[in-house]
Amino acid sequence: MPSRLNILTCPLPVLRTLNGDSQLSPLPQMEAERIDALRREGAITGVEDLLNDPALEGQQLAALKPLLDVKSDWFLLDATVELVDRERHLFSVLRRREEQVVAVFRSEGEL
């Protein structure tokens, strides 16, 4: 099963792509910013809260709904350590599966 998009943490440009099943145009910037503010305030806590938002009102959402969630299975760890005037940077792509977390990819320096 493919991973779902976490509607509580996705960046604003990704949030703008969420639209009705037959809509290819993004949500207007101001609508996306308003929804983002609602997320940060805790007014959107579930998929239904988002789908019931006026920005999506009256649109067919049957294909969109199963792609959304409020949890994540994929994470990006971005760690920087400074020791004796030297800095090391580590990126790890982590995937949660059942009750374990696995590093799928690691990189030092740049991702």
PDB file of N, CA and C in Angstrom:
ATOM      1  N   MET A   1       0.839  -1.184   0.000  1.00  0.00           N
ATOM      2  CA  MET A   1       0.000   0.000   0.000  1.00  0.00           C
ATOM      3  C   MET A   1       0.881   1.243   0.000  1.00  0.00           C
ATOM      4  N   PRO A   2       0.649   2.185  -0.910  1.00  0.00           N
ATOM      5  CA  PRO A   2       1.461   3.399  -0.935  1.00  0.00           C
ATOM      6  C   PRO A   2       1.221   4.242   0.311  1.00  0.00           C
ATOM      7  N   SER A   3       2.215   5.042   0.641  1.00  0.00           N
ATOM      8  CA  SER A   3       2.073   5.938   1.786  1.00  0.00           C
ATOM      9  C   SER A   3       1.084   7.042   1.464  1.00  0.00           C
ATOM     10  N   ARG A   4       0.463   7.533   2.505  1.00  0.00           N
ATOM     11  CA  ARG A   4      -0.486   8.633   2.364  1.00  0.00           C
ATOM     12  C   ARG A   4       0.193   9.943   2.718  1.00  0.00           C
ATOM     13  N   LEU A   5      -0.411  11.027   2.301  1.00  0.00           N
ATOM     14  CA  LEU A   5       0.100  12.359   2.572  1.00  0.00           C
ATOM     15  C   LEU A   5      -0.426  12.842   3.918  1.00  0.00           C
ATOM     16  N   ASN A   6       0.483  13.265   4.786  1.00  0.00           N
ATOM     17  CA  ASN A   6       0.099  13.803   6.087  1.00  0.00           C
ATOM     18  C   ASN A   6      -0.352  15.251   5.899  1.00  0.00           C
ATOM     19  N   ILE A   7      -1.651  15.477   6.028  1.00  0.00           N
ATOM     20  CA  ILE A   7      -2.208  16.813   5.792  1.00  0.00           C
ATOM     21  C   ILE A   7      -1.850  17.808   6.891  1.00  0.00           C
ATOM     22  N   LEU A   8      -1.355  17.319   8.021  1.00  0.00           N
ATOM     23  CA  LEU A   8      -1.012  18.216   9.128  1.00  0.00           C
ATOM     24  C   LEU A   8       0.399  18.769   9.012  1.00  0.00           C
ATOM     25  N   THR A   9       1.252  18.116   8.216  1.00  0.00           N
ATOM     26  CA  THR A   9       2.650  18.534   8.146  1.00  0.00           C
ATOM     27  C   THR A   9       3.146  18.833   6.740  1.00  0.00           C
ATOM     28  N   CYS A  10       2.344  18.599   5.719  1.00  0.00           N
ATOM     29  CA  CYS A  10       2.826  18.832   4.351  1.00  0.00           C
ATOM     30  C   CYS A  10       3.082  20.327   4.142  1.00  0.00           C
ATOM     31  N   PRO A  11       4.109  20.662   3.351  1.00  0.00           N
ATOM     32  CA  PRO A  11       4.408  22.073   3.104  1.00  0.00           C
ATOM     33  C   PRO A  11       3.298  22.757   2.298  1.00  0.00           C
ATOM     34  N   LEU A  12       3.268  24.056   2.374  1.00  0.00           N
ATOM     35  CA  LEU A  12       2.228  24.846   1.719  1.00  0.00           C
ATOM     36  C   LEU A  12       2.103  24.561   0.216  1.00  0.00           C
ATOM     37  N   PRO A  13       3.197  24.458  -0.549  1.00  0.00           N
ATOM     38  CA  PRO A  13       3.032  24.148  -1.978  1.00  0.00           C
ATOM     39  C   PRO A  13       2.341  22.804  -2.218  1.00  0.00           C
ATOM     40  N   VAL A  14       2.595  21.830  -1.360  1.00  0.00           N
ATOM     41  CA  VAL A  14       1.929  20.529  -1.490  1.00  0.00           C
ATOM     42  C   VAL A  14       0.461  20.666  -1.096  1.00  0.00           C
ATOM     43  N   LEU A  15       0.197  21.418  -0.052  1.00  0.00           N
ATOM     44  CA  LEU A  15      -1.186  21.658   0.373  1.00  0.00           C
ATOM     45  C   LEU A  15      -2.010  22.268  -0.764  1.00  0.00           C
ATOM     46  N   ARG A  16      -1.392  23.134  -1.540  1.00  0.00           N
ATOM     47  CA  ARG A  16      -2.105  23.777  -2.660  1.00  0.00           C
ATOM     48  C   ARG A  16      -2.519  22.776  -3.730  1.00  0.00           C
ATOM     49  N   THR A  17      -1.848  21.641  -3.820  1.00  0.00           N
ATOM     50  CA  THR A  17      -2.192  20.650  -4.850  1.00  0.00           C
ATOM     51  C   THR A  17      -3.438  19.855  -4.498  1.00  0.00           C
ATOM     52  N   LEU A  18      -3.892  19.928  -3.255  1.00  0.00           N
ATOM     53  CA  LEU A  18      -5.074  19.174  -2.836  1.00  0.00           C
ATOM     54  C   LEU A  18      -6.308  19.893  -3.349  1.00  0.00           C
ATOM     55  N   ASN A  19      -7.028  19.222  -4.226  1.00  0.00           N
ATOM     56  CA  ASN A  19      -8.187  19.836  -4.838  1.00  0.00           C
ATOM     57  C   ASN A  19      -9.146  18.742  -5.258  1.00  0.00           C
ATOM     58  N   GLY A  20     -10.277  19.103  -5.788  1.00  0.00           N
ATOM     59  CA  GLY A  20     -11.275  18.134  -6.222  1.00  0.00           C
ATOM     60  C   GLY A  20     -10.731  17.178  -7.270  1.00  0.00           C
ATOM     61  N   ASP A  21     -11.398  16.027  -7.396  1.00  0.00           N
ATOM     62  CA  ASP A  21     -10.934  14.973  -8.294  1.00  0.00           C
ATOM     63  C   ASP A  21     -10.740  15.450  -9.730  1.00  0.00           C
ATOM     64  N   SER A  22     -11.567  16.344 -10.205  1.00  0.00           N
ATOM     65  CA  SER A  22     -11.478  16.788 -11.598  1.00  0.00           C
ATOM     66  C   SER A  22     -10.761  18.130 -11.744  1.00  0.00           C
ATOM     67  N   GLN A  23     -10.208  18.639 -10.661  1.00  0.00           N
ATOM     68  CA  GLN A  23      -9.535  19.942 -10.673  1.00  0.00           C
ATOM     69  C   GLN A  23      -8.034  19.769 -10.887  1.00  0.00           C
ATOM     70  N   LEU A  24      -7.498  20.401 -11.916  1.00  0.00           N
ATOM     71  CA  LEU A  24      -6.058  20.349 -12.158  1.00  0.00           C
ATOM     72  C   LEU A  24      -5.351  21.612 -11.691  1.00  0.00           C
ATOM     73  N   SER A  25      -6.096  22.647 -11.403  1.00  0.00           N
ATOM     74  CA  SER A  25      -5.486  23.885 -10.928  1.00  0.00           C
ATOM     75  C   SER A  25      -5.316  23.821  -9.414  1.00  0.00           C
ATOM     76  N   PRO A  26      -4.245  24.437  -8.899  1.00  0.00           N
ATOM     77  CA  PRO A  26      -4.019  24.409  -7.453  1.00  0.00           C
ATOM     78  C   PRO A  26      -5.022  25.282  -6.709  1.00  0.00           C
ATOM     79  N   LEU A  27      -5.103  25.040  -5.411  1.00  0.00           N
ATOM     80  CA  LEU A  27      -5.896  25.933  -4.562  1.00  0.00           C
ATOM     81  C   LEU A  27      -5.283  27.330  -4.637  1.00  0.00           C
ATOM     82  N   PRO A  28      -6.096  28.366  -4.571  1.00  0.00           N
ATOM     83  CA  PRO A  28      -5.528  29.720  -4.530  1.00  0.00           C
ATOM     84  C   PRO A  28      -4.598  29.876  -3.319  1.00  0.00           C
ATOM     85  N   GLN A  29      -3.551  30.656  -3.498  1.00  0.00           N
ATOM     86  CA  GLN A  29      -2.554  30.858  -2.446  1.00  0.00           C
ATOM     87  C   GLN A  29      -3.201  31.290  -1.133  1.00  0.00           C
ATOM     88  N   MET A  30      -4.138  32.228  -1.192  1.00  0.00           N
ATOM     89  CA  MET A  30      -4.770  32.729   0.035  1.00  0.00           C
ATOM     90  C   MET A  30      -5.587  31.644   0.726  1.00  0.00           C
ATOM     91  N   GLU A  31      -6.256  30.787  -0.040  1.00  0.00           N
ATOM     92  CA  GLU A  31      -7.018  29.684   0.552  1.00  0.00           C
ATOM     93  C   GLU A  31      -6.068  28.711   1.242  1.00  0.00           C
ATOM     94  N   ALA A  32      -4.967  28.387   0.579  1.00  0.00           N
ATOM     95  CA  ALA A  32      -3.997  27.462   1.168  1.00  0.00           C
ATOM     96  C   ALA A  32      -3.390  28.051   2.439  1.00  0.00           C
ATOM     97  N   GLU A  33      -3.096  29.342   2.431  1.00  0.00           N
ATOM     98  CA  GLU A  33      -2.551  29.995   3.626  1.00  0.00           C
ATOM     99  C   GLU A  33      -3.568  29.987   4.762  1.00  0.00           C
ATOM    100  N   ARG A  34      -4.840  30.175   4.436  1.00  0.00           N
ATOM    101  CA  ARG A  34      -5.887  30.131   5.466  1.00  0.00           C
ATOM    102  C   ARG A  34      -5.985  28.726   6.060  1.00  0.00           C
ATOM    103  N   ILE A  35      -5.953  27.704   5.206  1.00  0.00           N
ATOM    104  CA  ILE A  35      -6.001  26.316   5.690  1.00  0.00           C
ATOM    105  C   ILE A  35      -4.764  26.013   6.525  1.00  0.00           C
ATOM    106  N   ASP A  36      -3.606  26.509   6.081  1.00  0.00           N
ATOM    107  CA  ASP A  36      -2.370  26.298   6.838  1.00  0.00           C
ATOM    108  C   ASP A  36      -2.481  26.919   8.225  1.00  0.00           C
ATOM    109  N   ALA A  37      -3.057  28.108   8.316  1.00  0.00           N
ATOM    110  CA  ALA A  37      -3.242  28.760   9.622  1.00  0.00           C
ATOM    111  C   ALA A  37      -4.168  27.929  10.501  1.00  0.00           C
ATOM    112  N   LEU A  38      -5.222  27.377   9.916  1.00  0.00           N
ATOM    113  CA  LEU A  38      -6.130  26.516  10.683  1.00  0.00           C
ATOM    114  C   LEU A  38      -5.405  25.280  11.204  1.00  0.00           C
ATOM    115  N   ARG A  39      -4.529  24.706  10.379  1.00  0.00           N
ATOM    116  CA  ARG A  39      -3.746  23.538  10.828  1.00  0.00           C
ATOM    117  C   ARG A  39      -2.892  23.912  12.029  1.00  0.00           C
ATOM    118  N   ARG A  40      -2.173  25.029  11.917  1.00  0.00           N
ATOM    119  CA  ARG A  40      -1.275  25.448  12.999  1.00  0.00           C
ATOM    120  C   ARG A  40      -2.025  25.779  14.279  1.00  0.00           C
ATOM    121  N   GLU A  41      -3.258  26.278  14.147  1.00  0.00           N
ATOM    122  CA  GLU A  41      -4.087  26.607  15.316  1.00  0.00           C
ATOM    123  C   GLU A  41      -4.744  25.375  15.918  1.00  0.00           C
ATOM    124  N   GLY A  42      -4.683  24.244  15.225  1.00  0.00           N
ATOM    125  CA  GLY A  42      -5.300  23.018  15.719  1.00  0.00           C
ATOM    126  C   GLY A  42      -6.758  22.865  15.338  1.00  0.00           C
ATOM    127  N   ALA A  43      -7.253  23.718  14.440  1.00  0.00           N
ATOM    128  CA  ALA A  43      -8.656  23.625  14.018  1.00  0.00           C
ATOM    129  C   ALA A  43      -8.878  22.491  13.021  1.00  0.00           C
ATOM    130  N   ILE A  44      -7.820  22.074  12.347  1.00  0.00           N
ATOM    131  CA  ILE A  44      -7.896  20.914  11.453  1.00  0.00           C
ATOM    132  C   ILE A  44      -7.113  19.798  12.124  1.00  0.00           C
ATOM    133  N   THR A  45      -7.831  18.764  12.540  1.00  0.00           N
ATOM    134  CA  THR A  45      -7.180  17.649  13.237  1.00  0.00           C
ATOM    135  C   THR A  45      -7.354  16.328  12.507  1.00  0.00           C
ATOM    136  N   GLY A  46      -8.165  16.322  11.462  1.00  0.00           N
ATOM    137  CA  GLY A  46      -8.410  15.088  10.730  1.00  0.00           C
ATOM    138  C   GLY A  46      -8.700  15.357   9.269  1.00  0.00           C
ATOM    139  N   VAL A  47      -8.699  14.293   8.487  1.00  0.00           N
ATOM    140  CA  VAL A  47      -8.947  14.398   7.053  1.00  0.00           C
ATOM    141  C   VAL A  47     -10.318  15.014   6.780  1.00  0.00           C
ATOM    142  N   GLU A  48     -11.320  14.606   7.553  1.00  0.00           N
ATOM    143  CA  GLU A  48     -12.675  15.137   7.346  1.00  0.00           C
ATOM    144  C   GLU A  48     -12.728  16.645   7.564  1.00  0.00           C
ATOM    145  N   ASP A  49     -11.966  17.148   8.538  1.00  0.00           N
ATOM    146  CA  ASP A  49     -11.925  18.597   8.772  1.00  0.00           C
ATOM    147  C   ASP A  49     -11.446  19.327   7.519  1.00  0.00           C
ATOM    148  N   LEU A  50     -10.407  18.788   6.894  1.00  0.00           N
ATOM    149  CA  LEU A  50      -9.892  19.414   5.679  1.00  0.00           C
ATOM    150  C   LEU A  50     -10.892  19.308   4.536  1.00  0.00           C
ATOM    151  N   LEU A  51     -11.452  18.118   4.343  1.00  0.00           N
ATOM    152  CA  LEU A  51     -12.365  17.907   3.220  1.00  0.00           C
ATOM    153  C   LEU A  51     -13.659  18.701   3.360  1.00  0.00           C
ATOM    154  N   ASN A  52     -14.020  19.073   4.589  1.00  0.00           N
ATOM    155  CA  ASN A  52     -15.222  19.880   4.818  1.00  0.00           C
ATOM    156  C   ASN A  52     -14.952  21.384   4.754  1.00  0.00           C
ATOM    157  N   ASP A  53     -13.702  21.757   4.502  1.00  0.00           N
ATOM    158  CA  ASP A  53     -13.347  23.172   4.428  1.00  0.00           C
ATOM    159  C   ASP A  53     -14.031  23.825   3.222  1.00  0.00           C
ATOM    160  N   PRO A  54     -14.450  25.086   3.362  1.00  0.00           N
ATOM    161  CA  PRO A  54     -15.104  25.782   2.248  1.00  0.00           C
ATOM    162  C   PRO A  54     -14.290  25.803   0.946  1.00  0.00           C
ATOM    163  N   ALA A  55     -12.970  25.734   1.038  1.00  0.00           N
ATOM    164  CA  ALA A  55     -12.140  25.739  -0.173  1.00  0.00           C
ATOM    165  C   ALA A  55     -12.402  24.512  -1.042  1.00  0.00           C
ATOM    166  N   LEU A  56     -12.857  23.422  -0.426  1.00  0.00           N
ATOM    167  CA  LEU A  56     -13.120  22.182  -1.164  1.00  0.00           C
ATOM    168  C   LEU A  56     -14.608  21.883  -1.277  1.00  0.00           C
ATOM    169  N   GLU A  57     -15.421  22.799  -0.796  1.00  0.00           N
ATOM    170  CA  GLU A  57     -16.867  22.604  -0.769  1.00  0.00           C
ATOM    171  C   GLU A  57     -17.430  22.370  -2.176  1.00  0.00           C
ATOM    172  N   GLY A  58     -18.315  21.379  -2.282  1.00  0.00           N
ATOM    173  CA  GLY A  58     -18.998  21.088  -3.533  1.00  0.00           C
ATOM    174  C   GLY A  58     -18.178  20.330  -4.557  1.00  0.00           C
ATOM    175  N   GLN A  59     -16.969  19.906  -4.195  1.00  0.00           N
ATOM    176  CA  GLN A  59     -16.118  19.187  -5.137  1.00  0.00           C
ATOM    177  C   GLN A  59     -16.174  17.687  -4.877  1.00  0.00           C
ATOM    178  N   GLN A  60     -15.980  16.910  -5.924  1.00  0.00           N
ATOM    179  CA  GLN A  60     -15.875  15.461  -5.780  1.00  0.00           C
ATOM    180  C   GLN A  60     -14.505  15.147  -5.179  1.00  0.00           C
ATOM    181  N   LEU A  61     -14.487  14.405  -4.074  1.00  0.00           N
ATOM    182  CA  LEU A  61     -13.239  14.143  -3.354  1.00  0.00           C
ATOM    183  C   LEU A  61     -12.992  12.651  -3.141  1.00  0.00           C
ATOM    184  N   ALA A  62     -13.750  11.798  -3.815  1.00  0.00           N
ATOM    185  CA  ALA A  62     -13.645  10.351  -3.595  1.00  0.00           C
ATOM    186  C   ALA A  62     -12.250   9.821  -3.902  1.00  0.00           C
ATOM    187  N   ALA A  63     -11.591  10.329  -4.926  1.00  0.00           N
ATOM    188  CA  ALA A  63     -10.252   9.854  -5.276  1.00  0.00           C
ATOM    189  C   ALA A  63      -9.184  10.451  -4.359  1.00  0.00           C
ATOM    190  N   LEU A  64      -9.435  11.636  -3.826  1.00  0.00           N
ATOM    191  CA  LEU A  64      -8.459  12.315  -2.970  1.00  0.00           C
ATOM    192  C   LEU A  64      -8.433  11.743  -1.560  1.00  0.00           C
ATOM    193  N   LYS A  65      -9.585  11.472  -0.995  1.00  0.00           N
ATOM    194  CA  LYS A  65      -9.688  11.076   0.414  1.00  0.00           C
ATOM    195  C   LYS A  65      -8.785   9.904   0.801  1.00  0.00           C
ATOM    196  N   PRO A  66      -8.712   8.797   0.027  1.00  0.00           N
ATOM    197  CA  PRO A  66      -7.863   7.681   0.457  1.00  0.00           C
ATOM    198  C   PRO A  66      -6.363   7.968   0.395  1.00  0.00           C
ATOM    199  N   LEU A  67      -5.978   9.093  -0.174  1.00  0.00           N
ATOM    200  CA  LEU A  67      -4.566   9.452  -0.277  1.00  0.00           C
ATOM    201  C   LEU A  67      -4.086  10.302   0.894  1.00  0.00           C
ATOM    202  N   LEU A  68      -5.006  10.672   1.789  1.00  0.00           N
ATOM    203  CA  LEU A  68      -4.699  11.606   2.877  1.00  0.00           C
ATOM    204  C   LEU A  68      -4.719  10.913   4.231  1.00  0.00           C
ATOM    205  N   ASP A  69      -3.925  11.447   5.155  1.00  0.00           N
ATOM    206  CA  ASP A  69      -3.872  10.904   6.514  1.00  0.00           C
ATOM    207  C   ASP A  69      -3.396  12.004   7.454  1.00  0.00           C
ATOM    208  N   VAL A  70      -3.336  11.694   8.741  1.00  0.00           N
ATOM    209  CA  VAL A  70      -2.819  12.637   9.737  1.00  0.00           C
ATOM    210  C   VAL A  70      -1.609  12.056  10.466  1.00  0.00           C
ATOM    211  N   LYS A  71      -0.995  11.071   9.860  1.00  0.00           N
ATOM    212  CA  LYS A  71       0.243  10.508  10.412  1.00  0.00           C
ATOM    213  C   LYS A  71       1.208  10.265   9.263  1.00  0.00           C
ATOM    214  N   SER A  72       2.466  10.049   9.605  1.00  0.00           N
ATOM    215  CA  SER A  72       3.505   9.873   8.594  1.00  0.00           C
ATOM    216  C   SER A  72       4.230   8.559   8.803  1.00  0.00           C
ATOM    217  N   ASP A  73       4.667   7.984   7.702  1.00  0.00           N
ATOM    218  CA  ASP A  73       5.506   6.791   7.747  1.00  0.00           C
ATOM    219  C   ASP A  73       6.926   7.099   7.287  1.00  0.00           C
ATOM    220  N   TRP A  74       7.116   8.228   6.632  1.00  0.00           N
ATOM    221  CA  TRP A  74       8.420   8.634   6.112  1.00  0.00           C
ATOM    222  C   TRP A  74       8.856   9.924   6.804  1.00  0.00           C
ATOM    223  N   PHE A  75      10.158  10.000   7.138  1.00  0.00           N
ATOM    224  CA  PHE A  75      10.693  11.162   7.843  1.00  0.00           C
ATOM    225  C   PHE A  75      12.072  11.491   7.295  1.00  0.00           C
ATOM    226  N   LEU A  76      12.452  12.753   7.374  1.00  0.00           N
ATOM    227  CA  LEU A  76      13.797  13.182   7.015  1.00  0.00           C
ATOM    228  C   LEU A  76      14.468  13.706   8.276  1.00  0.00           C
ATOM    229  N   LEU A  77      15.547  13.052   8.675  1.00  0.00           N
ATOM    230  CA  LEU A  77      16.350  13.502   9.809  1.00  0.00           C
ATOM    231  C   LEU A  77      17.470  14.368   9.251  1.00  0.00           C
ATOM    232  N   ASP A  78      17.569  15.572   9.725  1.00  0.00           N
ATOM    233  CA  ASP A  78      18.583  16.528   9.296  1.00  0.00           C
ATOM    234  C   ASP A  78      19.367  16.908  10.546  1.00  0.00           C
ATOM    235  N   ALA A  79      20.563  16.334  10.694  1.00  0.00           N
ATOM    236  CA  ALA A  79      21.345  16.536  11.917  1.00  0.00           C
ATOM    237  C   ALA A  79      22.656  17.254  11.606  1.00  0.00           C
ATOM    238  N   THR A  80      22.984  18.229  12.442  1.00  0.00           N
ATOM    239  CA  THR A  80      24.250  18.945  12.332  1.00  0.00           C
ATOM    240  C   THR A  80      24.942  18.888  13.685  1.00  0.00           C
ATOM    241  N   VAL A  81      26.210  18.503  13.653  1.00  0.00           N
ATOM    242  CA  VAL A  81      26.997  18.426  14.885  1.00  0.00           C
ATOM    243  C   VAL A  81      28.229  19.303  14.706  1.00  0.00           C
ATOM    244  N   GLU A  82      28.492  20.132  15.699  1.00  0.00           N
ATOM    245  CA  GLU A  82      29.688  20.959  15.670  1.00  0.00           C
ATOM    246  C   GLU A  82      30.565  20.552  16.839  1.00  0.00           C
ATOM    247  N   LEU A  83      31.817  20.227  16.524  1.00  0.00           N
ATOM    248  CA  LEU A  83      32.754  19.782  17.551  1.00  0.00           C
ATOM    249  C   LEU A  83      34.122  20.358  17.220  1.00  0.00           C
ATOM    250  N   VAL A  84      34.678  21.110  18.126  1.00  0.00           N
ATOM    251  CA  VAL A  84      35.989  21.731  17.971  1.00  0.00           C
ATOM    252  C   VAL A  84      36.086  22.460  16.626  1.00  0.00           C
ATOM    253  N   ASP A  85      35.178  23.375  16.411  1.00  0.00           N
ATOM    254  CA  ASP A  85      35.148  24.204  15.199  1.00  0.00           C
ATOM    255  C   ASP A  85      34.993  23.423  13.899  1.00  0.00           C
ATOM    256  N   ARG A  86      34.572  22.182  13.987  1.00  0.00           N
ATOM    257  CA  ARG A  86      34.290  21.384  12.784  1.00  0.00           C
ATOM    258  C   ARG A  86      32.817  21.009  12.809  1.00  0.00           C
ATOM    259  N   GLU A  87      32.226  21.046  11.636  1.00  0.00           N
ATOM    260  CA  GLU A  87      30.804  20.753  11.535  1.00  0.00           C
ATOM    261  C   GLU A  87      30.584  19.548  10.626  1.00  0.00           C
ATOM    262  N   ARG A  88      29.714  18.646  11.067  1.00  0.00           N
ATOM    263  CA  ARG A  88      29.319  17.478  10.261  1.00  0.00           C
ATOM    264  C   ARG A  88      27.817  17.542  10.069  1.00  0.00           C
ATOM    265  N   HIS A  89      27.411  17.197   8.870  1.00  0.00           N
ATOM    266  CA  HIS A  89      25.988  17.233   8.527  1.00  0.00           C
ATOM    267  C   HIS A  89      25.571  15.840   8.069  1.00  0.00           C
ATOM    268  N   LEU A  90      24.478  15.343   8.618  1.00  0.00           N
ATOM    269  CA  LEU A  90      23.984  14.012   8.266  1.00  0.00           C
ATOM    270  C   LEU A  90      22.506  14.108   7.937  1.00  0.00           C
ATOM    271  N   PHE A  91      22.131  13.486   6.829  1.00  0.00           N
ATOM    272  CA  PHE A  91      20.727  13.344   6.452  1.00  0.00           C
ATOM    273  C   PHE A  91      20.394  11.868   6.473  1.00  0.00           C
ATOM    274  N   SER A  92      19.245  11.521   6.993  1.00  0.00           N
ATOM    275  CA  SER A  92      18.752  10.145   6.942  1.00  0.00           C
ATOM    276  C   SER A  92      17.284  10.170   6.546  1.00  0.00           C
ATOM    277  N   VAL A  93      16.930   9.338   5.580  1.00  0.00           N
ATOM    278  CA  VAL A  93      15.529   9.131   5.231  1.00  0.00           C
ATOM    279  C   VAL A  93      15.086   7.914   6.020  1.00  0.00           C
ATOM    280  N   LEU A  94      14.091   8.102   6.876  1.00  0.00           N
ATOM    281  CA  LEU A  94      13.633   7.045   7.777  1.00  0.00           C
ATOM    282  C   LEU A  94      12.224   6.616   7.397  1.00  0.00           C
ATOM    283  N   ARG A  95      11.971   5.321   7.529  1.00  0.00           N
ATOM    284  CA  ARG A  95      10.630   4.801   7.272  1.00  0.00           C
ATOM    285  C   ARG A  95      10.164   4.006   8.477  1.00  0.00           C
ATOM    286  N   ARG A  96       8.957   4.344   8.932  1.00  0.00           N
ATOM    287  CA  ARG A  96       8.349   3.612  10.048  1.00  0.00           C
ATOM    288  C   ARG A  96       7.518   2.477   9.460  1.00  0.00           C
ATOM    289  N   ARG A  97       7.768   1.270   9.960  1.00  0.00           N
ATOM    290  CA  ARG A  97       6.996   0.091   9.572  1.00  0.00           C
ATOM    291  C   ARG A  97       6.639  -0.651  10.839  1.00  0.00           C
ATOM    292  N   GLU A  98       5.350  -0.770  11.047  1.00  0.00           N
ATOM    293  CA  GLU A  98       4.820  -1.412  12.246  1.00  0.00           C
ATOM    294  C   GLU A  98       5.452  -0.782  13.473  1.00  0.00           C
ATOM    295  N   GLU A  99       6.294  -1.502  14.202  1.00  0.00           N
ATOM    296  CA  GLU A  99       6.856  -0.922  15.431  1.00  0.00           C
ATOM    297  C   GLU A  99       8.353  -0.699  15.341  1.00  0.00           C
ATOM    298  N   GLN A 100       8.861  -0.509  14.131  1.00  0.00           N
ATOM    299  CA  GLN A 100      10.288  -0.234  13.985  1.00  0.00           C
ATOM    300  C   GLN A 100      10.514   0.887  12.973  1.00  0.00           C
ATOM    301  N   VAL A 101      11.666   1.508  13.069  1.00  0.00           N
ATOM    302  CA  VAL A 101      12.053   2.557  12.138  1.00  0.00           C
ATOM    303  C   VAL A 101      13.329   2.101  11.451  1.00  0.00           C
ATOM    304  N   VAL A 102      13.337   2.204  10.120  1.00  0.00           N
ATOM    305  CA  VAL A 102      14.466   1.739   9.319  1.00  0.00           C
ATOM    306  C   VAL A 102      15.047   2.922   8.553  1.00  0.00           C
ATOM    307  N   ALA A 103      16.376   3.036   8.550  1.00  0.00           N
ATOM    308  CA  ALA A 103      17.038   4.055   7.734  1.00  0.00           C
ATOM    309  C   ALA A 103      17.098   3.535   6.299  1.00  0.00           C
ATOM    310  N   VAL A 104      16.431   4.221   5.399  1.00  0.00           N
ATOM    311  CA  VAL A 104      16.375   3.809   3.998  1.00  0.00           C
ATOM    312  C   VAL A 104      17.550   4.393   3.224  1.00  0.00           C
ATOM    313  N   PHE A 105      17.987   5.584   3.611  1.00  0.00           N
ATOM    314  CA  PHE A 105      19.066   6.275   2.911  1.00  0.00           C
ATOM    315  C   PHE A 105      19.768   7.193   3.899  1.00  0.00           C
ATOM    316  N   ARG A 106      21.097   7.274   3.747  1.00  0.00           N
ATOM    317  CA  ARG A 106      21.872   8.205   4.579  1.00  0.00           C
ATOM    318  C   ARG A 106      22.867   8.942   3.710  1.00  0.00           C
ATOM    319  N   SER A 107      23.145  10.170   4.093  1.00  0.00           N
ATOM    320  CA  SER A 107      24.094  10.976   3.343  1.00  0.00           C
ATOM    321  C   SER A 107      24.798  11.927   4.296  1.00  0.00           C
ATOM    322  N   GLU A 108      26.093  12.094   4.083  1.00  0.00           N
ATOM    323  CA  GLU A 108      26.841  13.106   4.823  1.00  0.00           C
ATOM    324  C   GLU A 108      27.076  14.278   3.897  1.00  0.00           C
ATOM    325  N   GLY A 109      26.978  15.464   4.416  1.00  0.00           N
ATOM    326  CA  GLY A 109      27.188  16.647   3.592  1.00  0.00           C
ATOM    327  C   GLY A 109      25.894  17.139   3.004  1.00  0.00           C
ATOM    328  N   GLU A 110      25.645  16.812   1.727  1.00  0.00           N
ATOM    329  CA  GLU A 110      24.439  17.272   1.047  1.00  0.00           C
ATOM    330  C   GLU A 110      23.537  16.105   0.731  1.00  0.00           C
ATOM    331  N   LEU A 111      22.268  16.386   0.675  1.00  0.00           N
ATOM    332  CA  LEU A 111      21.281  15.349   0.354  1.00  0.00           C
ATOM    333  C   LEU A 111      21.157  15.200  -1.136  1.00  0.00           C
TER     334      LEU A 111
END
